C-alpha atoms as a PDB file:
ATOM      1  CA  MET A   1     -36.743 -14.161  19.375  1.00  0.00           C
ATOM      2  CA  SER A   2     -37.955 -17.246  21.378  1.00  0.00           C
ATOM      3  CA  ASP A   3     -41.022 -18.800  20.874  1.00  0.00           C
ATOM      4  CA  GLU A   4     -41.754 -18.429  24.161  1.00  0.00           C
ATOM      5  CA  ASN A   5     -40.751 -14.883  25.012  1.00  0.00           C
ATOM      6  CA  VAL A   6     -43.301 -13.881  22.104  1.00  0.00           C
ATOM      7  CA  ALA A   7     -46.415 -16.054  23.737  1.00  0.00           C
ATOM      8  CA  ARG A   8     -45.237 -14.110  26.331  1.00  0.00           C
ATOM      9  CA  PHE A   9     -45.365 -10.435  25.127  1.00  0.00           C
ATOM     10  CA  GLN A  10     -48.537 -11.113  22.861  1.00  0.00           C
ATOM     11  CA  ALA A  11     -50.366 -12.329  26.805  1.00  0.00           C
ATOM     12  CA  VAL A  12     -49.451  -8.846  27.881  1.00  0.00           C
ATOM     13  CA  VAL A  13     -51.185  -7.092  24.989  1.00  0.00           C
ATOM     14  CA  GLU A  14     -54.244  -9.493  24.906  1.00  0.00           C
ATOM     15  CA  ALA A  15     -54.363  -8.607  28.532  1.00  0.00           C
ATOM     16  CA  CYS A  16     -53.953  -5.067  27.616  1.00  0.00           C
ATOM     17  CA  ASN A  17     -56.752  -4.674  25.770  1.00  0.00           C
ATOM     18  CA  ARG A  18     -59.408  -6.527  27.890  1.00  0.00           C
ATOM     19  CA  GLY A  19     -58.505  -4.135  30.468  1.00  0.00           C
ATOM     20  CA  GLU A  20     -56.993  -7.053  32.607  1.00  0.00           C
ATOM     21  CA  LEU A  21     -54.077  -5.227  34.509  1.00  0.00           C
ATOM     22  CA  ALA A  22     -53.381  -8.149  36.547  1.00  0.00           C
ATOM     23  CA  GLY A  23     -53.137  -9.906  33.707  1.00  0.00           C
ATOM     24  CA  VAL A  24     -50.630  -7.603  32.228  1.00  0.00           C
ATOM     25  CA  VAL A  25     -47.438  -7.947  34.774  1.00  0.00           C
ATOM     26  CA  ALA A  26     -48.586 -11.765  35.676  1.00  0.00           C
ATOM     27  CA  ASP A  27     -44.821 -12.455  34.424  1.00  0.00           C
ATOM     28  CA  PHE A  28     -43.231  -9.059  35.862  1.00  0.00           C
ATOM     29  CA  ALA A  29     -40.052 -10.082  38.287  1.00  0.00           C
ATOM     30  CA  PRO A  30     -41.017  -8.157  41.805  1.00  0.00           C
ATOM     31  CA  GLU A  31     -37.066  -6.143  40.818  1.00  0.00           C
ATOM     32  CA  CYS A  32     -39.174  -5.108  37.159  1.00  0.00           C
ATOM     33  CA  GLU A  33     -38.657  -1.242  36.137  1.00  0.00           C
ATOM     34  CA  PHE A  34     -40.275   0.481  33.447  1.00  0.00           C
ATOM     35  CA  VAL A  35     -39.050   4.316  31.972  1.00  0.00           C
ATOM     36  CA  SER A  36     -41.206   5.735  30.467  1.00  0.00           C
ATOM     37  CA  SER A  37     -40.551   8.291  28.010  1.00  0.00           C
ATOM     38  CA  GLY A  38     -43.558  10.599  28.994  1.00  0.00           C
ATOM     39  CA  ALA A  39     -45.060  10.229  25.508  1.00  0.00           C
ATOM     40  CA  ILE A  40     -48.764   9.926  28.074  1.00  0.00           C
ATOM     41  CA  PRO A  41     -49.217  12.719  29.853  1.00  0.00           C
ATOM     42  CA  GLY A  42     -48.586  12.105  33.853  1.00  0.00           C
ATOM     43  CA  ALA A  43     -47.044   8.239  32.946  1.00  0.00           C
ATOM     44  CA  GLY A  44     -43.413   9.965  32.473  1.00  0.00           C
ATOM     45  CA  GLY A  45     -40.858   8.853  34.797  1.00  0.00           C
ATOM     46  CA  THR A  46     -39.669   5.349  36.198  1.00  0.00           C
ATOM     47  CA  PHE A  47     -41.916   2.914  37.178  1.00  0.00           C
ATOM     48  CA  ARG A  48     -41.312  -0.043  40.040  1.00  0.00           C
ATOM     49  CA  GLY A  49     -42.622  -3.651  40.717  1.00  0.00           C
ATOM     50  CA  PRO A  50     -45.636  -4.749  38.970  1.00  0.00           C
ATOM     51  CA  ALA A  51     -47.552  -2.370  41.043  1.00  0.00           C
ATOM     52  CA  GLY A  52     -45.513   0.452  39.156  1.00  0.00           C
ATOM     53  CA  TYR A  53     -46.484  -0.880  35.851  1.00  0.00           C
ATOM     54  CA  ARG A  54     -49.670  -0.475  36.533  1.00  0.00           C
ATOM     55  CA  ARG A  55     -49.637   2.655  37.849  1.00  0.00           C
ATOM     56  CA  PHE A  56     -48.540   4.036  34.470  1.00  0.00           C
ATOM     57  CA  LEU A  57     -51.132   1.801  32.581  1.00  0.00           C
ATOM     58  CA  GLU A  58     -53.961   3.763  34.606  1.00  0.00           C
ATOM     59  CA  SER A  59     -53.418   6.754  33.276  1.00  0.00           C
ATOM     60  CA  PHE A  60     -53.296   5.915  30.114  1.00  0.00           C
ATOM     61  CA  TRP A  61     -56.711   3.840  30.952  1.00  0.00           C
ATOM     62  CA  ASN A  62     -57.380   7.307  32.701  1.00  0.00           C
ATOM     63  CA  VAL A  63     -57.036   9.625  29.808  1.00  0.00           C
ATOM     64  CA  PHE A  64     -59.233   7.149  27.174  1.00  0.00           C
ATOM     65  CA  ASP A  65     -62.178   5.152  26.262  1.00  0.00           C
ATOM     66  CA  ASN A  66     -61.721   2.307  24.673  1.00  0.00           C
ATOM     67  CA  PRO A  67     -57.775   1.864  24.768  1.00  0.00           C
ATOM     68  CA  SER A  68     -56.006  -0.455  22.297  1.00  0.00           C
ATOM     69  CA  LEU A  69     -53.031  -2.018  21.558  1.00  0.00           C
ATOM     70  CA  GLU A  70     -51.878  -2.990  18.143  1.00  0.00           C
ATOM     71  CA  VAL A  71     -48.394  -4.385  17.261  1.00  0.00           C
ATOM     72  CA  HIS A  72     -47.195  -3.897  14.767  1.00  0.00           C
ATOM     73  CA  GLU A  73     -43.282  -5.684  14.701  1.00  0.00           C
ATOM     74  CA  LEU A  74     -41.523  -7.674  17.099  1.00  0.00           C
ATOM     75  CA  ILE A  75     -37.723  -6.941  16.106  1.00  0.00           C
ATOM     76  CA  ASP A  76     -35.341  -9.796  18.312  1.00  0.00           C
ATOM     77  CA  ALA A  77     -32.633  -7.877  20.268  1.00  0.00           C
ATOM     78  CA  GLY A  78     -30.971 -11.100  22.396  1.00  0.00           C
ATOM     79  CA  ASP A  79     -32.811 -11.252  25.554  1.00  0.00           C
ATOM     80  CA  GLN A  80     -34.912  -8.354  24.702  1.00  0.00           C
ATOM     81  CA  VAL A  81     -37.679  -7.871  22.326  1.00  0.00           C
ATOM     82  CA  LEU A  82     -38.179  -4.188  20.999  1.00  0.00           C
ATOM     83  CA  ALA A  83     -41.633  -4.035  20.046  1.00  0.00           C
ATOM     84  CA  SER A  84     -43.408  -0.825  17.626  1.00  0.00           C
ATOM     85  CA  LEU A  85     -46.904  -0.617  18.688  1.00  0.00           C
ATOM     86  CA  THR A  86     -49.756   1.631  18.488  1.00  0.00           C
ATOM     87  CA  LEU A  87     -52.322   3.066  21.275  1.00  0.00           C
ATOM     88  CA  ARG A  88     -55.051   3.923  20.508  1.00  0.00           C
ATOM     89  CA  GLY A  89     -58.020   5.450  22.069  1.00  0.00           C
ATOM     90  CA  ASN A  90     -61.050   8.201  22.233  1.00  0.00           C
ATOM     91  CA  GLY A  91     -60.614  10.709  24.754  1.00  0.00           C
ATOM     92  CA  LYS A  92     -62.747  10.736  27.912  1.00  0.00           C
ATOM     93  CA  GLU A  93     -63.092  14.774  28.445  1.00  0.00           C
ATOM     94  CA  SER A  94     -63.067  15.182  24.122  1.00  0.00           C
ATOM     95  CA  GLY A  95     -64.297  11.790  22.539  1.00  0.00           C
ATOM     96  CA  VAL A  96     -62.217  12.287  19.547  1.00  0.00           C
ATOM     97  CA  GLU A  97     -60.479   9.388  18.892  1.00  0.00           C
ATOM     98  CA  ALA A  98     -56.399   9.816  18.627  1.00  0.00           C
ATOM     99  CA  SER A  99     -53.215   7.575  18.459  1.00  0.00           C
ATOM    100  CA  MET A 100     -50.002   7.267  19.229  1.00  0.00           C
ATOM    101  CA  ASP A 101     -47.070   5.463  18.043  1.00  0.00           C
ATOM    102  CA  VAL A 102     -44.354   4.024  20.616  1.00  0.00           C
ATOM    103  CA  TRP A 103     -41.683   2.088  20.884  1.00  0.00           C
ATOM    104  CA  GLN A 104     -40.859  -0.209  23.702  1.00  0.00           C
ATOM    105  CA  LEU A 105     -38.061  -2.355  24.835  1.00  0.00           C
ATOM    106  CA  TRP A 106     -38.283  -5.331  27.084  1.00  0.00           C
ATOM    107  CA  THR A 107     -35.721  -7.061  28.197  1.00  0.00           C
ATOM    108  CA  VAL A 108     -36.782 -10.836  29.536  1.00  0.00           C
ATOM    109  CA  ARG A 109     -34.910 -12.958  32.232  1.00  0.00           C
ATOM    110  CA  ASP A 110     -35.554 -16.949  33.524  1.00  0.00           C
ATOM    111  CA  GLY A 111     -39.222 -16.072  32.518  1.00  0.00           C
ATOM    112  CA  GLU A 112     -39.938 -13.034  33.572  1.00  0.00           C
ATOM    113  CA  VAL A 113     -40.066  -9.301  32.751  1.00  0.00           C
ATOM    114  CA  VAL A 114     -37.186  -7.987  34.682  1.00  0.00           C
ATOM    115  CA  ARG A 115     -37.626  -3.839  32.368  1.00  0.00           C
ATOM    116  CA  GLY A 116     -39.604  -2.267  30.145  1.00  0.00           C
ATOM    117  CA  GLU A 117     -38.161   1.140  28.860  1.00  0.00           C
ATOM    118  CA  GLY A 118     -41.346   2.977  26.296  1.00  0.00           C
ATOM    119  CA  PHE A 119     -39.897   5.433  23.455  1.00  0.00           C
ATOM    120  CA  THR A 120     -41.293   7.877  20.855  1.00  0.00           C
ATOM    121  CA  SER A 121     -39.301   7.836  18.274  1.00  0.00           C
ATOM    122  CA  ARG A 122     -37.849   3.972  16.281  1.00  0.00           C
ATOM    123  CA  SER A 123     -33.953   5.009  16.188  1.00  0.00           C
ATOM    124  CA  ASP A 124     -33.715   5.960  20.416  1.00  0.00           C
ATOM    125  CA  ALA A 125     -35.120   2.581  20.804  1.00  0.00           C
ATOM    126  CA  LEU A 126     -32.557   0.760  18.108  1.00  0.00           C
ATOM    127  CA  GLU A 127     -30.185   2.396  19.637  1.00  0.00           C
ATOM    128  CA  ALA A 128     -31.001   1.436  23.180  1.00  0.00           C
ATOM    129  CA  ALA A 129     -31.697  -2.051  22.256  1.00  0.00           C
ATOM    130  CA  GLY A 130     -28.482  -1.836  19.826  1.00  0.00           C
ATOM    131  CA  LEU A 131     -29.504  -2.414  16.808  1.00  0.00           C
ATOM    132  CA  SER A 132     -29.555   0.033  13.694  1.00  0.00           C
ATOM    133  CA  GLU A 133     -32.056   1.418  11.199  1.00  0.00           C
END
């Protein structure tokens, strides 16, 4: 995995944890797309462009107070980075702390994020990356 891609991903996580959605999508190509598994209510489907990914993230921010993202593992998959993550937050209505383990596969070309895909299972994410357990 290139140090540049790791630094890019870390910057995205940091911006995400600060709630700075513009910083999250700073390196997204205009034609990028993110395909969500729908694990977050109301956030399933394909989101196109940086504005589309911001809408996806806003769906998380609309459900949780104090949302945060924790990175557990980054796996090199050529021009892709597979990330194991935990999303955390307190329900806006209930105040109850909640967490969800997810996996995301990101593709970077010429310094720009061109595609992302979210998964609720590690095996599905590995398969999409062409990797095995």
